[in-house]
Amino acid sequence: MTGSRIKQETVLFDVADHVATVTLNRPDRLNSFNHAMADEIDAIWHEVKVDDDIHCVVLRAAGDRAFCTGIDVREGAWWTDASVFHQEDPGEILGPKAQHVWKPVIAAAHGLVGGGAFYFLNEADIVICSDDATFFDPHASGGIVSALEPIGLLNRGVPLGDVLRWALLGSEERISADTALRLGIVTEVVPRQDLWQHAARLAAEIAARRPLAVQGTIRAIWESLDLPASVARRMGMSYTHLGNEGGPALPTERRIPRVR
């Protein structure tokens, strides 16, 4: 399967060895998203969700300069012609968890990572970046409310003070790759030339695991963020019963853990 059923004008989509590779492909616009990209991402998340051959996803971006810089300001918002009570935030389309995708997503970010790019990062399961990545929020510089992206960062455990500073200082405040690692925005920083290969290596390892166990793990953890602790534990137990039914016995062999 190569994703031929998906329109690929702004996003490239390919599946091999149970790993879907999604590549934002508007490098001339710093991979900013527009209506066309949102529609393609929407279709891709649906395909990922329903295709049992897909066990894991790598989300990356083409070009040298940027992973994504948010919405394409030249084209602007495409949803404002609808009634304010019927407008959907683009994050409902771009984010995999908003689309109920419970398959693991590894985001590999490089270069400029700004604003609406966090719709992708905040709902990825593993976020890694290259050593040249810089993270910023342009909303304040444009006089625009910054709410959903920073709320997503808070949900990922980024400290409140750092989120507020990032959101209030606008484009002039750049978070380096090392600082992003310290804050928990990313879990690993790798040399730029190794970024895609390392993401693919992580995805291959996860894709080799039992899919039901992986998906049950992801769903239990993400849904727990919206639940009281006692309810989250009960839900987690239910996913344990569902995901482990008919599965293999617990392994008895000992494996040497990876040191990061």
C-alpha atoms as a PDB file:
ATOM      1  CA  MET A   1       0.000   0.000   0.000  1.00  0.00           C
ATOM      2  CA  THR A   2       1.311   3.467  -0.871  1.00  0.00           C
ATOM      3  CA  GLY A   3      -1.582   5.717   0.105  1.00  0.00           C
ATOM      4  CA  SER A   4      -2.743   6.142  -3.505  1.00  0.00           C
ATOM      5  CA  ARG A   5      -6.312   6.723  -2.338  1.00  0.00           C
ATOM      6  CA  ILE A   6      -5.236   9.887  -0.517  1.00  0.00           C
ATOM      7  CA  LYS A   7      -4.910  13.149  -2.421  1.00  0.00           C
ATOM      8  CA  GLN A   8      -1.289  14.216  -2.023  1.00  0.00           C
ATOM      9  CA  GLU A   9      -1.028  17.840  -3.086  1.00  0.00           C
ATOM     10  CA  THR A  10       0.202  19.306   0.213  1.00  0.00           C
ATOM     11  CA  VAL A  11       0.991  16.158   2.213  1.00  0.00           C
ATOM     12  CA  LEU A  12       2.834  13.009   1.178  1.00  0.00           C
ATOM     13  CA  PHE A  13       1.521   9.715   2.530  1.00  0.00           C
ATOM     14  CA  ASP A  14       3.134   6.303   2.293  1.00  0.00           C
ATOM     15  CA  VAL A  15       2.823   3.014   4.145  1.00  0.00           C
ATOM     16  CA  ALA A  16       5.502   0.339   4.336  1.00  0.00           C
ATOM     17  CA  ASP A  17       6.204  -2.377   6.886  1.00  0.00           C
ATOM     18  CA  HIS A  18       3.220  -1.284   9.009  1.00  0.00           C
ATOM     19  CA  VAL A  19       4.529   2.298   9.348  1.00  0.00           C
ATOM     20  CA  ALA A  20       2.733   5.236   7.753  1.00  0.00           C
ATOM     21  CA  THR A  21       4.984   8.161   6.891  1.00  0.00           C
ATOM     22  CA  VAL A  22       3.184  11.502   6.693  1.00  0.00           C
ATOM     23  CA  THR A  23       5.258  14.353   5.255  1.00  0.00           C
ATOM     24  CA  LEU A  24       3.992  17.937   5.281  1.00  0.00           C
ATOM     25  CA  ASN A  25       4.918  19.119   1.801  1.00  0.00           C
ATOM     26  CA  ARG A  26       4.599  22.881   1.403  1.00  0.00           C
ATOM     27  CA  PRO A  27       8.250  23.829   1.956  1.00  0.00           C
ATOM     28  CA  ASP A  28       7.884  27.010  -0.094  1.00  0.00           C
ATOM     29  CA  ARG A  29       5.338  28.180   2.532  1.00  0.00           C
ATOM     30  CA  LEU A  30       7.332  26.797   5.488  1.00  0.00           C
ATOM     31  CA  ASN A  31       4.869  23.891   5.600  1.00  0.00           C
ATOM     32  CA  SER A  32       2.148  26.184   6.930  1.00  0.00           C
ATOM     33  CA  PHE A  33      -1.295  24.629   6.697  1.00  0.00           C
ATOM     34  CA  ASN A  34      -4.159  25.836   4.529  1.00  0.00           C
ATOM     35  CA  HIS A  35      -7.591  24.467   3.693  1.00  0.00           C
ATOM     36  CA  ALA A  36      -6.173  21.910   1.261  1.00  0.00           C
ATOM     37  CA  MET A  37      -3.659  20.583   3.788  1.00  0.00           C
ATOM     38  CA  ALA A  38      -6.328  20.335   6.479  1.00  0.00           C
ATOM     39  CA  ASP A  39      -8.540  18.298   4.146  1.00  0.00           C
ATOM     40  CA  GLU A  40      -5.679  15.979   3.246  1.00  0.00           C
ATOM     41  CA  ILE A  41      -4.649  15.518   6.882  1.00  0.00           C
ATOM     42  CA  ASP A  42      -8.287  14.777   7.740  1.00  0.00           C
ATOM     43  CA  ALA A  43      -8.365  12.018   5.117  1.00  0.00           C
ATOM     44  CA  ILE A  44      -5.015  10.652   6.268  1.00  0.00           C
ATOM     45  CA  TRP A  45      -6.032  10.350   9.921  1.00  0.00           C
ATOM     46  CA  HIS A  46      -9.165   8.509   8.830  1.00  0.00           C
ATOM     47  CA  GLU A  47      -7.065   6.115   6.748  1.00  0.00           C
ATOM     48  CA  VAL A  48      -4.648   5.563   9.618  1.00  0.00           C
ATOM     49  CA  LYS A  49      -7.526   4.848  11.973  1.00  0.00           C
ATOM     50  CA  VAL A  50      -9.309   2.260   9.824  1.00  0.00           C
ATOM     51  CA  ASP A  51      -6.361   0.495   8.143  1.00  0.00           C
ATOM     52  CA  ASP A  52      -5.264  -2.413  10.331  1.00  0.00           C
ATOM     53  CA  ASP A  53      -2.054  -2.689   8.320  1.00  0.00           C
ATOM     54  CA  ILE A  54      -0.892   0.600   9.870  1.00  0.00           C
ATOM     55  CA  HIS A  55       0.619   0.122  13.308  1.00  0.00           C
ATOM     56  CA  CYS A  56       2.528   3.394  13.750  1.00  0.00           C
ATOM     57  CA  VAL A  57       2.901   6.838  12.143  1.00  0.00           C
ATOM     58  CA  VAL A  58       5.878   9.109  11.565  1.00  0.00           C
ATOM     59  CA  LEU A  59       4.926  12.757  11.050  1.00  0.00           C
ATOM     60  CA  ARG A  60       7.649  14.892   9.484  1.00  0.00           C
ATOM     61  CA  ALA A  61       8.053  17.808   7.055  1.00  0.00           C
ATOM     62  CA  ALA A  62       9.802  18.460   3.759  1.00  0.00           C
ATOM     63  CA  GLY A  63      12.350  21.179   3.089  1.00  0.00           C
ATOM     64  CA  ASP A  64      15.243  22.596   5.037  1.00  0.00           C
ATOM     65  CA  ARG A  65      13.742  25.541   6.876  1.00  0.00           C
ATOM     66  CA  ALA A  66      10.682  24.472   8.838  1.00  0.00           C
ATOM     67  CA  PHE A  67       8.562  21.687  10.233  1.00  0.00           C
ATOM     68  CA  CYS A  68       5.473  23.918  10.234  1.00  0.00           C
ATOM     69  CA  THR A  69       4.813  27.575  11.059  1.00  0.00           C
ATOM     70  CA  GLY A  70       1.088  27.287  11.716  1.00  0.00           C
ATOM     71  CA  ILE A  71      -1.662  28.564   9.482  1.00  0.00           C
ATOM     72  CA  ASP A  72      -0.730  30.083   6.119  1.00  0.00           C
ATOM     73  CA  VAL A  73      -1.340  33.761   6.883  1.00  0.00           C
ATOM     74  CA  ARG A  74      -1.359  34.599   3.184  1.00  0.00           C
ATOM     75  CA  GLU A  75      -4.434  32.445   2.622  1.00  0.00           C
ATOM     76  CA  GLY A  76      -5.935  33.029   6.066  1.00  0.00           C
ATOM     77  CA  ALA A  77      -8.775  31.271   7.854  1.00  0.00           C
ATOM     78  CA  TRP A  78     -11.152  29.314   5.641  1.00  0.00           C
ATOM     79  CA  TRP A  79     -13.888  28.709   8.218  1.00  0.00           C
ATOM     80  CA  THR A  80     -15.059  32.251   9.041  1.00  0.00           C
ATOM     81  CA  ASP A  81     -17.932  32.254   6.552  1.00  0.00           C
ATOM     82  CA  ALA A  82     -19.803  29.834   8.832  1.00  0.00           C
ATOM     83  CA  SER A  83     -21.820  30.944  11.847  1.00  0.00           C
ATOM     84  CA  VAL A  84     -19.644  31.402  14.914  1.00  0.00           C
ATOM     85  CA  PHE A  85     -21.571  28.530  16.514  1.00  0.00           C
ATOM     86  CA  HIS A  86     -20.678  26.188  13.664  1.00  0.00           C
ATOM     87  CA  GLN A  87     -17.015  27.038  13.262  1.00  0.00           C
ATOM     88  CA  GLU A  88     -14.557  24.248  13.987  1.00  0.00           C
ATOM     89  CA  ASP A  89     -11.047  24.978  15.134  1.00  0.00           C
ATOM     90  CA  PRO A  90      -8.488  23.465  12.703  1.00  0.00           C
ATOM     91  CA  GLY A  91      -7.000  21.574  15.619  1.00  0.00           C
ATOM     92  CA  GLU A  92     -10.041  19.304  15.496  1.00  0.00           C
ATOM     93  CA  ILE A  93      -8.847  18.242  12.041  1.00  0.00           C
ATOM     94  CA  LEU A  94      -5.073  18.341  12.356  1.00  0.00           C
ATOM     95  CA  GLY A  95      -4.630  16.642  15.717  1.00  0.00           C
ATOM     96  CA  PRO A  96      -4.650  12.824  15.661  1.00  0.00           C
ATOM     97  CA  LYS A  97      -6.194  12.450  19.111  1.00  0.00           C
ATOM     98  CA  ALA A  98      -9.017  14.858  18.223  1.00  0.00           C
ATOM     99  CA  GLN A  99      -9.662  12.418  15.358  1.00  0.00           C
ATOM    100  CA  HIS A 100      -9.633   9.457  17.787  1.00  0.00           C
ATOM    101  CA  VAL A 101      -6.505   7.966  16.288  1.00  0.00           C
ATOM    102  CA  TRP A 102      -5.159   5.598  18.935  1.00  0.00           C
ATOM    103  CA  LYS A 103      -2.212   4.399  16.889  1.00  0.00           C
ATOM    104  CA  PRO A 104       1.147   5.840  17.985  1.00  0.00           C
ATOM    105  CA  VAL A 105       2.318   9.005  16.255  1.00  0.00           C
ATOM    106  CA  ILE A 106       5.997   9.998  16.305  1.00  0.00           C
ATOM    107  CA  ALA A 107       6.561  13.635  15.347  1.00  0.00           C
ATOM    108  CA  ALA A 108      10.000  14.530  14.013  1.00  0.00           C
ATOM    109  CA  ALA A 109      10.393  18.318  14.017  1.00  0.00           C
ATOM    110  CA  HIS A 110      13.150  20.429  12.504  1.00  0.00           C
ATOM    111  CA  GLY A 111      13.833  24.082  11.811  1.00  0.00           C
ATOM    112  CA  LEU A 112      11.033  26.529  12.574  1.00  0.00           C
ATOM    113  CA  VAL A 113       8.162  25.133  14.628  1.00  0.00           C
ATOM    114  CA  GLY A 114       5.558  27.793  15.272  1.00  0.00           C
ATOM    115  CA  GLY A 115       2.012  28.414  16.457  1.00  0.00           C
ATOM    116  CA  GLY A 116      -0.441  25.985  14.902  1.00  0.00           C
ATOM    117  CA  ALA A 117       2.330  23.414  14.420  1.00  0.00           C
ATOM    118  CA  PHE A 118       1.521  22.496  18.002  1.00  0.00           C
ATOM    119  CA  TYR A 119      -1.785  21.039  16.867  1.00  0.00           C
ATOM    120  CA  PHE A 120       0.429  18.243  15.549  1.00  0.00           C
ATOM    121  CA  LEU A 121       2.995  18.117  18.345  1.00  0.00           C
ATOM    122  CA  ASN A 122       0.592  18.367  21.269  1.00  0.00           C
ATOM    123  CA  GLU A 123      -1.261  15.253  20.124  1.00  0.00           C
ATOM    124  CA  ALA A 124       1.738  13.184  19.086  1.00  0.00           C
ATOM    125  CA  ASP A 125       2.788  10.361  21.371  1.00  0.00           C
ATOM    126  CA  ILE A 126       6.525  10.838  20.945  1.00  0.00           C
ATOM    127  CA  VAL A 127       8.048  14.151  19.845  1.00  0.00           C
ATOM    128  CA  ILE A 128      11.686  14.321  18.828  1.00  0.00           C
ATOM    129  CA  CYS A 129      13.489  17.179  17.140  1.00  0.00           C
ATOM    130  CA  SER A 130      16.721  18.030  15.409  1.00  0.00           C
ATOM    131  CA  ASP A 131      19.366  20.188  17.030  1.00  0.00           C
ATOM    132  CA  ASP A 132      18.435  23.118  14.750  1.00  0.00           C
ATOM    133  CA  ALA A 133      14.765  23.215  15.806  1.00  0.00           C
ATOM    134  CA  THR A 134      13.359  26.400  17.352  1.00  0.00           C
ATOM    135  CA  PHE A 135       9.860  26.717  18.800  1.00  0.00           C
ATOM    136  CA  PHE A 136       7.808  29.923  18.942  1.00  0.00           C
ATOM    137  CA  ASP A 137       4.264  31.287  19.097  1.00  0.00           C
ATOM    138  CA  PRO A 138       3.528  34.167  16.683  1.00  0.00           C
ATOM    139  CA  HIS A 139       0.002  34.904  17.935  1.00  0.00           C
ATOM    140  CA  ALA A 140       0.938  37.735  20.306  1.00  0.00           C
ATOM    141  CA  SER A 141       3.024  39.463  17.646  1.00  0.00           C
ATOM    142  CA  GLY A 142      -0.045  39.565  15.413  1.00  0.00           C
ATOM    143  CA  GLY A 143      -2.416  40.699  18.148  1.00  0.00           C
ATOM    144  CA  ILE A 144      -4.223  37.340  18.137  1.00  0.00           C
ATOM    145  CA  VAL A 145      -5.370  35.324  21.141  1.00  0.00           C
ATOM    146  CA  SER A 146      -3.186  32.299  21.785  1.00  0.00           C
ATOM    147  CA  ALA A 147      -5.248  29.708  23.644  1.00  0.00           C
ATOM    148  CA  LEU A 148      -5.514  26.220  22.201  1.00  0.00           C
ATOM    149  CA  GLU A 149      -1.850  25.549  21.477  1.00  0.00           C
ATOM    150  CA  PRO A 150      -0.651  26.634  24.942  1.00  0.00           C
ATOM    151  CA  ILE A 151      -3.468  24.691  26.594  1.00  0.00           C
ATOM    152  CA  GLY A 152      -2.176  21.643  24.749  1.00  0.00           C
ATOM    153  CA  LEU A 153       1.306  22.291  26.106  1.00  0.00           C
ATOM    154  CA  LEU A 154      -0.082  22.472  29.641  1.00  0.00           C
ATOM    155  CA  ASN A 155      -1.783  19.119  29.095  1.00  0.00           C
ATOM    156  CA  ARG A 156       1.616  17.692  28.156  1.00  0.00           C
ATOM    157  CA  GLY A 157       3.034  18.871  31.465  1.00  0.00           C
ATOM    158  CA  VAL A 158       5.020  21.892  30.289  1.00  0.00           C
ATOM    159  CA  PRO A 159       5.318  24.281  33.286  1.00  0.00           C
ATOM    160  CA  LEU A 160       2.757  27.087  33.438  1.00  0.00           C
ATOM    161  CA  GLY A 161       5.319  29.878  33.651  1.00  0.00           C
ATOM    162  CA  ASP A 162       7.156  28.669  30.575  1.00  0.00           C
ATOM    163  CA  VAL A 163       3.914  28.304  28.610  1.00  0.00           C
ATOM    164  CA  LEU A 164       2.847  31.838  29.536  1.00  0.00           C
ATOM    165  CA  ARG A 165       6.209  33.295  28.581  1.00  0.00           C
ATOM    166  CA  TRP A 166       6.136  31.434  25.249  1.00  0.00           C
ATOM    167  CA  ALA A 167       2.603  32.631  24.473  1.00  0.00           C
ATOM    168  CA  LEU A 168       2.998  36.258  25.586  1.00  0.00           C
ATOM    169  CA  LEU A 169       6.338  37.201  24.033  1.00  0.00           C
ATOM    170  CA  GLY A 170       5.369  36.219  20.491  1.00  0.00           C
ATOM    171  CA  SER A 171       7.738  35.535  17.631  1.00  0.00           C
ATOM    172  CA  GLU A 172      10.658  37.215  19.400  1.00  0.00           C
ATOM    173  CA  GLU A 173      10.782  34.417  22.012  1.00  0.00           C
ATOM    174  CA  ARG A 174      12.479  31.359  20.528  1.00  0.00           C
ATOM    175  CA  ILE A 175      12.808  28.121  22.455  1.00  0.00           C
ATOM    176  CA  SER A 176      15.891  26.162  21.436  1.00  0.00           C
ATOM    177  CA  ALA A 177      15.975  22.410  20.996  1.00  0.00           C
ATOM    178  CA  ASP A 178      17.857  21.989  24.282  1.00  0.00           C
ATOM    179  CA  THR A 179      15.341  24.123  26.178  1.00  0.00           C
ATOM    180  CA  ALA A 180      12.464  22.241  24.548  1.00  0.00           C
ATOM    181  CA  LEU A 181      14.012  19.037  25.865  1.00  0.00           C
ATOM    182  CA  ARG A 182      14.310  20.478  29.353  1.00  0.00           C
ATOM    183  CA  LEU A 183      10.682  21.675  29.337  1.00  0.00           C
ATOM    184  CA  GLY A 184       9.340  18.366  28.069  1.00  0.00           C
ATOM    185  CA  ILE A 185       8.125  19.672  24.700  1.00  0.00           C
ATOM    186  CA  VAL A 186      10.328  17.000  23.102  1.00  0.00           C
ATOM    187  CA  THR A 187      11.798  13.830  24.532  1.00  0.00           C
ATOM    188  CA  GLU A 188      14.967  13.690  22.468  1.00  0.00           C
ATOM    189  CA  VAL A 189      17.239  15.932  20.389  1.00  0.00           C
ATOM    190  CA  VAL A 190      19.234  14.355  17.551  1.00  0.00           C
ATOM    191  CA  PRO A 191      21.551  15.706  14.857  1.00  0.00           C
ATOM    192  CA  ARG A 192      19.626  17.082  11.906  1.00  0.00           C
ATOM    193  CA  GLN A 193      21.015  14.522   9.471  1.00  0.00           C
ATOM    194  CA  ASP A 194      19.809  11.676  11.716  1.00  0.00           C
ATOM    195  CA  LEU A 195      16.269  12.951  12.404  1.00  0.00           C
ATOM    196  CA  TRP A 196      14.226  11.027   9.853  1.00  0.00           C
ATOM    197  CA  GLN A 197      16.226   7.837  10.206  1.00  0.00           C
ATOM    198  CA  HIS A 198      15.903   7.891  13.984  1.00  0.00           C
ATOM    199  CA  ALA A 199      12.152   8.512  13.819  1.00  0.00           C
ATOM    200  CA  ALA A 200      11.794   5.618  11.388  1.00  0.00           C
ATOM    201  CA  ARG A 201      13.819   3.375  13.689  1.00  0.00           C
ATOM    202  CA  LEU A 202      11.576   4.164  16.673  1.00  0.00           C
ATOM    203  CA  ALA A 203       8.467   3.618  14.562  1.00  0.00           C
ATOM    204  CA  ALA A 204       9.702   0.254  13.294  1.00  0.00           C
ATOM    205  CA  GLU A 205      10.317  -0.942  16.830  1.00  0.00           C
ATOM    206  CA  ILE A 206       6.840   0.122  17.973  1.00  0.00           C
ATOM    207  CA  ALA A 207       5.180  -1.263  14.834  1.00  0.00           C
ATOM    208  CA  ALA A 208       6.628  -4.678  15.645  1.00  0.00           C
ATOM    209  CA  ARG A 209       4.713  -4.766  18.936  1.00  0.00           C
ATOM    210  CA  ARG A 210       1.238  -6.280  19.290  1.00  0.00           C
ATOM    211  CA  PRO A 211      -1.096  -3.600  17.833  1.00  0.00           C
ATOM    212  CA  LEU A 212      -3.984  -4.089  20.270  1.00  0.00           C
ATOM    213  CA  ALA A 213      -1.666  -3.745  23.235  1.00  0.00           C
ATOM    214  CA  VAL A 214      -0.139  -0.550  21.846  1.00  0.00           C
ATOM    215  CA  GLN A 215      -3.465   1.039  20.967  1.00  0.00           C
ATOM    216  CA  GLY A 216      -4.996   0.120  24.327  1.00  0.00           C
ATOM    217  CA  THR A 217      -2.015   1.679  26.083  1.00  0.00           C
ATOM    218  CA  ILE A 218      -2.302   4.914  24.111  1.00  0.00           C
ATOM    219  CA  ARG A 219      -6.046   5.254  24.557  1.00  0.00           C
ATOM    220  CA  ALA A 220      -5.926   4.566  28.290  1.00  0.00           C
ATOM    221  CA  ILE A 221      -3.173   7.121  28.877  1.00  0.00           C
ATOM    222  CA  TRP A 222      -4.627   9.924  26.746  1.00  0.00           C
ATOM    223  CA  GLU A 223      -8.184   9.515  28.037  1.00  0.00           C
ATOM    224  CA  SER A 224      -6.920   9.586  31.620  1.00  0.00           C
ATOM    225  CA  LEU A 225      -5.952  13.253  31.129  1.00  0.00           C
ATOM    226  CA  ASP A 226      -9.643  14.243  31.126  1.00  0.00           C
ATOM    227  CA  LEU A 227     -10.752  11.970  33.979  1.00  0.00           C
ATOM    228  CA  PRO A 228     -10.553  11.924  37.771  1.00  0.00           C
ATOM    229  CA  ALA A 229      -7.857   9.519  38.935  1.00  0.00           C
ATOM    230  CA  SER A 230     -10.277   6.862  40.222  1.00  0.00           C
ATOM    231  CA  VAL A 231     -12.272   6.860  36.970  1.00  0.00           C
ATOM    232  CA  ALA A 232      -9.060   6.787  34.911  1.00  0.00           C
ATOM    233  CA  ARG A 233      -7.905   3.696  36.791  1.00  0.00           C
ATOM    234  CA  ARG A 234     -11.209   1.909  36.147  1.00  0.00           C
ATOM    235  CA  MET A 235     -11.074   2.828  32.460  1.00  0.00           C
ATOM    236  CA  GLY A 236      -7.470   1.702  32.303  1.00  0.00           C
ATOM    237  CA  MET A 237      -8.418  -1.651  33.775  1.00  0.00           C
ATOM    238  CA  SER A 238     -11.188  -2.071  31.201  1.00  0.00           C
ATOM    239  CA  TYR A 239      -8.716  -1.435  28.380  1.00  0.00           C
ATOM    240  CA  THR A 240      -6.353  -3.932  29.971  1.00  0.00           C
ATOM    241  CA  HIS A 241      -9.060  -6.598  29.843  1.00  0.00           C
ATOM    242  CA  LEU A 242     -10.066  -5.706  26.277  1.00  0.00           C
ATOM    243  CA  GLY A 243      -6.576  -5.324  24.857  1.00  0.00           C
ATOM    244  CA  ASN A 244      -5.043  -8.343  26.535  1.00  0.00           C
ATOM    245  CA  GLU A 245      -7.841 -10.811  25.778  1.00  0.00           C
ATOM    246  CA  GLY A 246      -6.433 -13.554  23.582  1.00  0.00           C
ATOM    247  CA  GLY A 247      -3.006 -11.982  23.657  1.00  0.00           C
ATOM    248  CA  PRO A 248       0.314 -13.686  24.339  1.00  0.00           C
ATOM    249  CA  ALA A 249       1.427 -14.636  27.804  1.00  0.00           C
ATOM    250  CA  LEU A 250       3.779 -12.263  29.575  1.00  0.00           C
ATOM    251  CA  PRO A 251       7.344 -12.838  28.358  1.00  0.00           C
ATOM    252  CA  THR A 252       9.794 -14.468  30.691  1.00  0.00           C
ATOM    253  CA  GLU A 253      12.937 -13.500  28.805  1.00  0.00           C
ATOM    254  CA  ARG A 254      14.947 -10.529  30.000  1.00  0.00           C
ATOM    255  CA  ARG A 255      15.929  -7.881  27.493  1.00  0.00           C
ATOM    256  CA  ILE A 256      18.595  -5.240  27.813  1.00  0.00           C
ATOM    257  CA  PRO A 257      16.841  -1.847  27.946  1.00  0.00           C
ATOM    258  CA  ARG A 258      17.735   1.001  25.645  1.00  0.00           C
ATOM    259  CA  VAL A 259      19.677   3.831  27.274  1.00  0.00           C
ATOM    260  CA  ARG A 260      18.767   7.261  25.909  1.00  0.00           C
END
